[in-house]
Amino acid sequence: MRRPAHQRGFTLAELCIALSIAGILATVAYPSYADAVHRSRRADAWSALAAVQLAQERHRSEHTRYADALDTLALGARSAAGHYEVRVLAADRQGYTLEARPVAESPQSKDGTCQRLRLVVEANRQRQQAWSASGDESSRRCFAA
């Protein structure tokens, strides 16, 4: 039976093919999208580490050493957006080491590339370090623009 000329639409086969193509495109694109979201959320960690760094420098200007706890600096342990937990790993007269890790209940915990982000300040020199979920050093991937 032929359709009248005024009736137009898609057949079931055409619809299935279009949905299949859309599914394949989504499967290919999703990992890139997820990686871009993780990279953008890392900015939350770096801004939290920068806030602690500023507080450390203020503390050192008033005392003879850097603070070894966030409580001393009157700062909370969570980043502004709540994706990272920040802590002071070590501190003395010469420098300090700060670390940010994704909060377990945050979607950022699935970022396997950059699980531990560190800011190390020693003798007025600063360096950034990062490790993946498997413990591999991943600084180049975590800081690439």
Protein backbone atom coordinates (compact mmCIF):
# COMPACT_ATOMS: atom_id res chain seq x y z
CA MET A 1 0.00 0.00 0.00
CA ARG A 2 1.43 3.35 -1.02
CA ARG A 3 1.35 6.34 1.24
CA PRO A 4 -0.47 9.37 0.00
CA ALA A 5 1.86 12.18 -1.14
CA HIS A 6 0.75 14.52 1.65
CA GLN A 7 1.83 12.10 4.41
CA ARG A 8 5.51 12.37 5.19
CA GLY A 9 7.55 10.92 8.02
CA PHE A 10 10.25 8.48 8.96
CA THR A 11 10.01 4.75 8.72
CA LEU A 12 10.94 2.60 11.69
CA ALA A 13 14.14 1.52 9.94
CA GLU A 14 15.22 5.12 9.33
CA LEU A 15 14.53 5.99 12.95
CA CYS A 16 16.56 2.99 14.20
CA ILE A 17 19.51 3.93 11.97
CA ALA A 18 19.44 7.54 13.19
CA LEU A 19 19.32 6.42 16.84
CA SER A 20 22.20 3.99 16.25
CA ILE A 21 24.35 6.73 14.74
CA ALA A 22 23.50 9.08 17.64
CA GLY A 23 24.43 6.34 20.13
CA ILE A 24 27.79 5.71 18.46
CA LEU A 25 28.58 9.44 18.41
CA ALA A 26 27.66 9.76 22.09
CA THR A 27 29.85 6.76 22.99
CA VAL A 28 32.81 8.32 21.21
CA ALA A 29 32.26 11.85 22.56
CA TYR A 30 31.50 11.09 26.23
CA PRO A 31 35.07 10.28 27.37
CA SER A 32 36.32 13.58 25.95
CA TYR A 33 33.47 15.44 27.62
CA ALA A 34 34.12 13.75 30.99
CA ASP A 35 37.84 14.56 30.74
CA ALA A 36 37.07 18.22 30.00
CA VAL A 37 34.76 18.39 33.03
CA HIS A 38 37.44 16.85 35.27
CA ARG A 39 40.04 19.33 33.97
CA SER A 40 37.75 22.27 34.66
CA ARG A 41 37.02 21.06 38.20
CA ARG A 42 40.75 20.84 38.94
CA ALA A 43 40.69 24.63 38.98
CA ASP A 44 38.74 24.28 42.23
CA ALA A 45 41.71 22.45 43.76
CA TRP A 46 44.28 24.96 42.49
CA SER A 47 42.29 27.92 43.78
CA ALA A 48 42.00 26.23 47.19
CA LEU A 49 45.75 25.56 47.24
CA ALA A 50 46.41 29.18 46.22
CA ALA A 51 44.21 30.42 49.09
CA VAL A 52 46.17 28.29 51.56
CA GLN A 53 49.42 29.54 50.03
CA LEU A 54 48.38 33.15 50.59
CA ALA A 55 47.36 32.36 54.16
CA GLN A 56 50.71 30.62 54.73
CA GLU A 57 52.64 33.67 53.54
CA ARG A 58 50.54 35.93 55.78
CA HIS A 59 51.16 33.59 58.72
CA ARG A 60 54.91 33.55 58.07
CA SER A 61 55.04 37.34 57.95
CA GLU A 62 53.56 37.44 61.46
CA HIS A 63 55.41 34.41 62.87
CA THR A 64 58.80 32.86 62.23
CA ARG A 65 57.51 29.76 60.48
CA TYR A 66 54.77 28.41 58.26
CA ALA A 67 51.66 26.89 59.83
CA ASP A 68 51.44 23.11 60.00
CA ALA A 69 47.61 22.96 60.11
CA LEU A 70 44.69 24.63 58.35
CA ASP A 71 43.11 25.43 61.75
CA THR A 72 46.05 27.71 62.51
CA LEU A 73 45.34 29.55 59.26
CA ALA A 74 41.59 29.73 60.01
CA LEU A 75 40.76 27.88 56.78
CA GLY A 76 38.41 24.99 56.11
CA ALA A 77 39.53 21.67 54.68
CA ARG A 78 37.17 21.73 51.67
CA SER A 79 37.66 23.66 48.45
CA ALA A 80 35.14 26.35 47.51
CA ALA A 81 33.07 24.07 45.25
CA GLY A 82 33.51 21.13 47.62
CA HIS A 83 35.23 18.82 45.13
CA TYR A 84 38.56 18.64 46.99
CA GLU A 85 39.87 18.23 50.51
CA VAL A 86 42.99 20.28 51.21
CA ARG A 87 45.56 19.66 53.92
CA VAL A 88 49.02 20.74 55.02
CA LEU A 89 51.34 17.73 54.79
CA ALA A 90 54.43 19.42 56.20
CA ALA A 91 55.58 22.87 57.28
CA ASP A 92 58.65 24.42 58.88
CA ARG A 93 60.70 27.62 58.67
CA GLN A 94 61.85 26.97 55.10
CA GLY A 95 58.66 25.89 53.37
CA TYR A 96 55.57 23.72 53.29
CA THR A 97 53.75 21.07 51.29
CA LEU A 98 50.03 21.30 50.55
CA GLU A 99 47.90 18.55 49.06
CA ALA A 100 44.44 18.42 47.50
CA ARG A 101 42.56 15.16 46.99
CA PRO A 102 39.08 14.66 45.55
CA VAL A 103 36.33 14.19 48.12
CA ALA A 104 35.01 10.60 47.93
CA GLU A 105 31.39 11.63 47.30
CA SER A 106 32.36 14.18 44.62
CA PRO A 107 32.15 13.31 40.91
CA GLN A 108 35.76 14.45 40.78
CA SER A 109 36.78 11.25 42.59
CA LYS A 110 36.45 9.53 39.19
CA ASP A 111 39.28 11.66 37.78
CA GLY A 112 41.87 8.89 37.66
CA THR A 113 44.52 11.09 36.02
CA CYS A 114 45.00 13.62 38.82
CA GLN A 115 44.04 12.12 42.19
CA ARG A 116 46.65 13.87 44.31
CA LEU A 117 47.62 17.47 43.58
CA ARG A 118 50.45 19.06 45.52
CA LEU A 119 51.95 22.47 45.91
CA VAL A 120 55.46 22.42 47.39
CA VAL A 121 57.18 25.63 48.51
CA GLU A 122 60.82 25.30 49.60
CA ALA A 123 63.28 28.14 50.04
CA ASN A 124 61.09 30.60 48.08
CA ARG A 125 60.71 28.17 45.15
CA GLN A 126 57.40 26.65 44.20
CA ARG A 127 56.61 23.46 42.28
CA GLN A 128 53.44 21.60 41.44
CA GLN A 129 53.17 17.82 41.52
CA ALA A 130 50.43 15.35 40.67
CA TRP A 131 49.81 11.60 40.81
CA SER A 132 47.21 9.40 39.18
CA ALA A 133 44.92 6.97 40.97
CA SER A 134 47.42 4.17 40.31
CA GLY A 135 50.24 6.20 41.89
CA ASP A 136 51.98 7.19 38.66
CA GLU A 137 53.46 10.68 38.44
CA SER A 138 51.12 12.69 36.17
CA SER A 139 52.24 16.31 36.57
CA ARG A 140 52.57 16.92 32.83
CA ARG A 141 49.00 15.80 32.14
CA CYS A 142 47.51 17.67 35.09
CA PHE A 143 49.11 21.03 34.34
CA ALA A 144 48.94 21.11 30.55
CA ALA A 145 46.86 24.02 29.31
